[in-house]
Amino acid sequence: MVEYFSQFLWQLWAILAVVCLILELTAGDFFIICFSVGAAFACLTDVLGGSIALQVAVFAVSTLASIFFVRPFAVRFLHKGENHRVSNADALLGRQGRVVETVKANGFGRVQIDGDFWKAVTDEPEDIPEGSNVCVVSRESTIIKVRR
């Protein structure tokens, strides 16, 4: 049984490389792919006749080299311009919405933005009636501040 595994160890390295590639698709941070690169080099080492110890060493060295030398360039190149991208609730700033529940001058109301309903306040002296279009000017936690 041990002879069988040692004879076809390249297949296990290949499976590990493919599984790591699939897992990288779910993560997207270019970390797991480094293990896939290491497994591919270990697979190549086995095909060329290297011992198990050499395969493990090649796996470890090539994985670490990928993490420290290749990954930073890949992240920088493929995520170019994403440092300034806002997400989650911060992406609401400047967006247009529709009032679905009157926003009281000194109280709360509800605003719909892209199908989501948000609790809203305003600093305007008058109520903003239902059906009005508003712009999000700021947010505090999950409560947005709007103006006409």
C-alpha atoms as a PDB file:
ATOM      1  CA  MET A   1       0.000   0.000   0.000  1.00  0.00           C
ATOM      2  CA  VAL A   2       2.858   2.392   0.847  1.00  0.00           C
ATOM      3  CA  GLU A   3       4.520   1.519  -2.438  1.00  0.00           C
ATOM      4  CA  TYR A   4       1.325   2.376  -4.306  1.00  0.00           C
ATOM      5  CA  PHE A   5       1.086   5.821  -2.681  1.00  0.00           C
ATOM      6  CA  SER A   6       4.761   6.536  -3.222  1.00  0.00           C
ATOM      7  CA  GLN A   7       4.443   5.485  -6.863  1.00  0.00           C
ATOM      8  CA  PHE A   8       1.438   7.743  -7.513  1.00  0.00           C
ATOM      9  CA  LEU A   9       2.204  10.589  -5.117  1.00  0.00           C
ATOM     10  CA  TRP A  10       2.223  13.021  -8.030  1.00  0.00           C
ATOM     11  CA  GLN A  11      -1.543  12.507  -8.303  1.00  0.00           C
ATOM     12  CA  LEU A  12      -2.046  13.569  -4.687  1.00  0.00           C
ATOM     13  CA  TRP A  13       0.063  16.685  -5.300  1.00  0.00           C
ATOM     14  CA  ALA A  14      -2.020  17.439  -8.407  1.00  0.00           C
ATOM     15  CA  ILE A  15      -5.278  16.985  -6.488  1.00  0.00           C
ATOM     16  CA  LEU A  16      -3.977  19.265  -3.733  1.00  0.00           C
ATOM     17  CA  ALA A  17      -3.076  21.893  -6.343  1.00  0.00           C
ATOM     18  CA  VAL A  18      -6.557  21.774  -7.904  1.00  0.00           C
ATOM     19  CA  VAL A  19      -8.332  21.841  -4.525  1.00  0.00           C
ATOM     20  CA  CYS A  20      -6.284  24.884  -3.506  1.00  0.00           C
ATOM     21  CA  LEU A  21      -7.185  26.605  -6.775  1.00  0.00           C
ATOM     22  CA  ILE A  22     -10.870  25.956  -6.127  1.00  0.00           C
ATOM     23  CA  LEU A  23     -10.583  27.249  -2.564  1.00  0.00           C
ATOM     24  CA  GLU A  24      -8.829  30.367  -3.866  1.00  0.00           C
ATOM     25  CA  LEU A  25     -11.868  31.129  -5.998  1.00  0.00           C
ATOM     26  CA  THR A  26     -13.912  31.446  -2.815  1.00  0.00           C
ATOM     27  CA  ALA A  27     -11.339  33.569  -0.967  1.00  0.00           C
ATOM     28  CA  GLY A  28      -9.799  35.813  -3.618  1.00  0.00           C
ATOM     29  CA  ASP A  29      -6.924  37.103  -1.492  1.00  0.00           C
ATOM     30  CA  PHE A  30      -4.146  35.233  -3.378  1.00  0.00           C
ATOM     31  CA  PHE A  31      -3.003  33.340  -0.289  1.00  0.00           C
ATOM     32  CA  ILE A  32      -4.340  29.836  -0.918  1.00  0.00           C
ATOM     33  CA  ILE A  33      -3.077  29.910  -4.497  1.00  0.00           C
ATOM     34  CA  CYS A  34       0.473  29.962  -3.105  1.00  0.00           C
ATOM     35  CA  PHE A  35      -0.133  26.472  -1.720  1.00  0.00           C
ATOM     36  CA  SER A  36      -1.380  25.441  -5.138  1.00  0.00           C
ATOM     37  CA  VAL A  37       1.873  26.675  -6.682  1.00  0.00           C
ATOM     38  CA  GLY A  38       3.842  24.708  -4.070  1.00  0.00           C
ATOM     39  CA  ALA A  39       1.835  21.556  -4.772  1.00  0.00           C
ATOM     40  CA  ALA A  40       2.404  21.973  -8.518  1.00  0.00           C
ATOM     41  CA  PHE A  41       6.172  22.221  -8.017  1.00  0.00           C
ATOM     42  CA  ALA A  42       6.096  19.199  -5.695  1.00  0.00           C
ATOM     43  CA  CYS A  43       4.131  17.290  -8.337  1.00  0.00           C
ATOM     44  CA  LEU A  44       6.752  18.191 -10.930  1.00  0.00           C
ATOM     45  CA  THR A  45       9.488  17.081  -8.526  1.00  0.00           C
ATOM     46  CA  ASP A  46       7.793  13.683  -8.133  1.00  0.00           C
ATOM     47  CA  VAL A  47       7.410  13.284 -11.892  1.00  0.00           C
ATOM     48  CA  LEU A  48      11.128  13.997 -12.292  1.00  0.00           C
ATOM     49  CA  GLY A  49      11.934  11.280  -9.743  1.00  0.00           C
ATOM     50  CA  GLY A  50      12.550  13.222  -6.532  1.00  0.00           C
ATOM     51  CA  SER A  51      12.217  11.570  -3.142  1.00  0.00           C
ATOM     52  CA  ILE A  52       9.333  12.254  -0.779  1.00  0.00           C
ATOM     53  CA  ALA A  53      11.569  14.372   1.438  1.00  0.00           C
ATOM     54  CA  LEU A  54      12.649  16.436  -1.567  1.00  0.00           C
ATOM     55  CA  GLN A  55       9.027  16.852  -2.637  1.00  0.00           C
ATOM     56  CA  VAL A  56       8.017  18.157   0.785  1.00  0.00           C
ATOM     57  CA  ALA A  57      11.009  20.504   0.813  1.00  0.00           C
ATOM     58  CA  VAL A  58      10.173  21.795  -2.682  1.00  0.00           C
ATOM     59  CA  PHE A  59       6.537  22.242  -1.600  1.00  0.00           C
ATOM     60  CA  ALA A  60       7.543  24.247   1.479  1.00  0.00           C
ATOM     61  CA  VAL A  61      10.145  26.404  -0.266  1.00  0.00           C
ATOM     62  CA  SER A  62       8.031  27.181  -3.336  1.00  0.00           C
ATOM     63  CA  THR A  63       4.959  27.948  -1.203  1.00  0.00           C
ATOM     64  CA  LEU A  64       6.931  30.350   1.006  1.00  0.00           C
ATOM     65  CA  ALA A  65       8.567  31.940  -2.033  1.00  0.00           C
ATOM     66  CA  SER A  66       5.124  32.459  -3.573  1.00  0.00           C
ATOM     67  CA  ILE A  67       3.764  33.999  -0.378  1.00  0.00           C
ATOM     68  CA  PHE A  68       6.633  36.432   0.100  1.00  0.00           C
ATOM     69  CA  PHE A  69       7.645  37.272  -3.481  1.00  0.00           C
ATOM     70  CA  VAL A  70       4.810  36.552  -5.917  1.00  0.00           C
ATOM     71  CA  ARG A  71       1.698  37.315  -3.838  1.00  0.00           C
ATOM     72  CA  PRO A  72       2.501  40.997  -3.100  1.00  0.00           C
ATOM     73  CA  PHE A  73       2.951  41.719  -6.822  1.00  0.00           C
ATOM     74  CA  ALA A  74      -0.224  39.833  -7.744  1.00  0.00           C
ATOM     75  CA  VAL A  75      -2.279  41.634  -5.099  1.00  0.00           C
ATOM     76  CA  ARG A  76      -0.904  45.014  -6.141  1.00  0.00           C
ATOM     77  CA  PHE A  77      -1.460  44.368  -9.849  1.00  0.00           C
ATOM     78  CA  LEU A  78      -4.880  42.686  -9.711  1.00  0.00           C
ATOM     79  CA  HIS A  79      -6.403  44.888  -7.006  1.00  0.00           C
ATOM     80  CA  LYS A  80      -5.168  48.130  -8.516  1.00  0.00           C
ATOM     81  CA  GLY A  81      -7.397  51.083  -7.599  1.00  0.00           C
ATOM     82  CA  GLU A  82      -9.456  49.207  -5.010  1.00  0.00           C
ATOM     83  CA  ASN A  83      -7.931  51.010  -2.035  1.00  0.00           C
ATOM     84  CA  HIS A  84     -10.383  53.866  -2.469  1.00  0.00           C
ATOM     85  CA  ARG A  85     -13.469  51.722  -3.002  1.00  0.00           C
ATOM     86  CA  VAL A  86     -16.062  52.126  -0.265  1.00  0.00           C
ATOM     87  CA  SER A  87     -18.264  49.303   0.806  1.00  0.00           C
ATOM     88  CA  ASN A  88     -21.251  48.496   2.956  1.00  0.00           C
ATOM     89  CA  ALA A  89     -23.033  51.454   4.533  1.00  0.00           C
ATOM     90  CA  ASP A  90     -20.328  53.956   3.509  1.00  0.00           C
ATOM     91  CA  ALA A  91     -21.314  53.332  -0.113  1.00  0.00           C
ATOM     92  CA  LEU A  92     -24.659  55.013   0.639  1.00  0.00           C
ATOM     93  CA  LEU A  93     -23.131  58.482   0.987  1.00  0.00           C
ATOM     94  CA  GLY A  94     -24.258  60.654  -1.914  1.00  0.00           C
ATOM     95  CA  ARG A  95     -26.856  58.108  -3.107  1.00  0.00           C
ATOM     96  CA  GLN A  96     -30.419  59.033  -4.022  1.00  0.00           C
ATOM     97  CA  GLY A  97     -33.373  57.435  -2.285  1.00  0.00           C
ATOM     98  CA  ARG A  98     -37.161  57.702  -1.976  1.00  0.00           C
ATOM     99  CA  VAL A  99     -38.966  58.473   1.258  1.00  0.00           C
ATOM    100  CA  VAL A 100     -41.418  55.660   2.108  1.00  0.00           C
ATOM    101  CA  GLU A 101     -42.338  56.961   5.575  1.00  0.00           C
ATOM    102  CA  THR A 102     -42.344  60.707   6.256  1.00  0.00           C
ATOM    103  CA  VAL A 103     -39.051  61.875   7.734  1.00  0.00           C
ATOM    104  CA  LYS A 104     -39.997  64.141  10.652  1.00  0.00           C
ATOM    105  CA  ALA A 105     -38.001  67.332  11.256  1.00  0.00           C
ATOM    106  CA  ASN A 106     -37.067  66.278  14.798  1.00  0.00           C
ATOM    107  CA  GLY A 107     -37.729  62.589  14.430  1.00  0.00           C
ATOM    108  CA  PHE A 108     -37.255  59.614  12.192  1.00  0.00           C
ATOM    109  CA  GLY A 109     -38.605  58.249   8.951  1.00  0.00           C
ATOM    110  CA  ARG A 110     -37.807  55.558   6.401  1.00  0.00           C
ATOM    111  CA  VAL A 111     -35.986  55.844   3.081  1.00  0.00           C
ATOM    112  CA  GLN A 112     -35.710  53.198   0.374  1.00  0.00           C
ATOM    113  CA  ILE A 113     -32.411  52.864  -1.500  1.00  0.00           C
ATOM    114  CA  ASP A 114     -32.052  50.033  -4.023  1.00  0.00           C
ATOM    115  CA  GLY A 115     -34.748  47.961  -2.358  1.00  0.00           C
ATOM    116  CA  ASP A 116     -33.328  48.367   1.161  1.00  0.00           C
ATOM    117  CA  PHE A 117     -35.138  50.393   3.798  1.00  0.00           C
ATOM    118  CA  TRP A 118     -33.101  52.670   6.065  1.00  0.00           C
ATOM    119  CA  LYS A 119     -34.041  54.591   9.171  1.00  0.00           C
ATOM    120  CA  ALA A 120     -33.473  58.249   8.326  1.00  0.00           C
ATOM    121  CA  VAL A 121     -33.231  61.647  10.003  1.00  0.00           C
ATOM    122  CA  THR A 122     -32.942  65.138   8.572  1.00  0.00           C
ATOM    123  CA  ASP A 123     -31.579  68.468   9.775  1.00  0.00           C
ATOM    124  CA  GLU A 124     -34.066  70.423   7.662  1.00  0.00           C
ATOM    125  CA  PRO A 125     -36.652  72.517   9.543  1.00  0.00           C
ATOM    126  CA  GLU A 126     -39.607  70.855   7.750  1.00  0.00           C
ATOM    127  CA  ASP A 127     -40.774  67.261   7.422  1.00  0.00           C
ATOM    128  CA  ILE A 128     -39.859  65.462   4.210  1.00  0.00           C
ATOM    129  CA  PRO A 129     -43.094  63.887   2.945  1.00  0.00           C
ATOM    130  CA  GLU A 130     -43.542  60.352   1.671  1.00  0.00           C
ATOM    131  CA  GLY A 131     -42.661  59.950  -2.016  1.00  0.00           C
ATOM    132  CA  SER A 132     -39.990  62.678  -2.001  1.00  0.00           C
ATOM    133  CA  ASN A 133     -36.550  62.063  -3.452  1.00  0.00           C
ATOM    134  CA  VAL A 134     -33.665  62.583  -1.034  1.00  0.00           C
ATOM    135  CA  CYS A 135     -29.889  62.431  -1.001  1.00  0.00           C
ATOM    136  CA  VAL A 136     -27.876  60.713   1.735  1.00  0.00           C
ATOM    137  CA  VAL A 137     -25.437  63.213   3.291  1.00  0.00           C
ATOM    138  CA  SER A 138     -24.065  61.201   6.224  1.00  0.00           C
ATOM    139  CA  ARG A 139     -24.661  58.189   8.419  1.00  0.00           C
ATOM    140  CA  GLU A 140     -24.405  57.310  12.069  1.00  0.00           C
ATOM    141  CA  SER A 141     -24.373  53.557  12.576  1.00  0.00           C
ATOM    142  CA  THR A 142     -27.421  52.328  10.630  1.00  0.00           C
ATOM    143  CA  ILE A 143     -29.260  55.649  10.636  1.00  0.00           C
ATOM    144  CA  ILE A 144     -28.754  57.851   7.602  1.00  0.00           C
ATOM    145  CA  LYS A 145     -29.096  61.637   7.398  1.00  0.00           C
ATOM    146  CA  VAL A 146     -30.875  62.869   4.282  1.00  0.00           C
ATOM    147  CA  ARG A 147     -31.669  66.134   2.501  1.00  0.00           C
ATOM    148  CA  ARG A 148     -33.988  66.944  -0.357  1.00  0.00           C
END
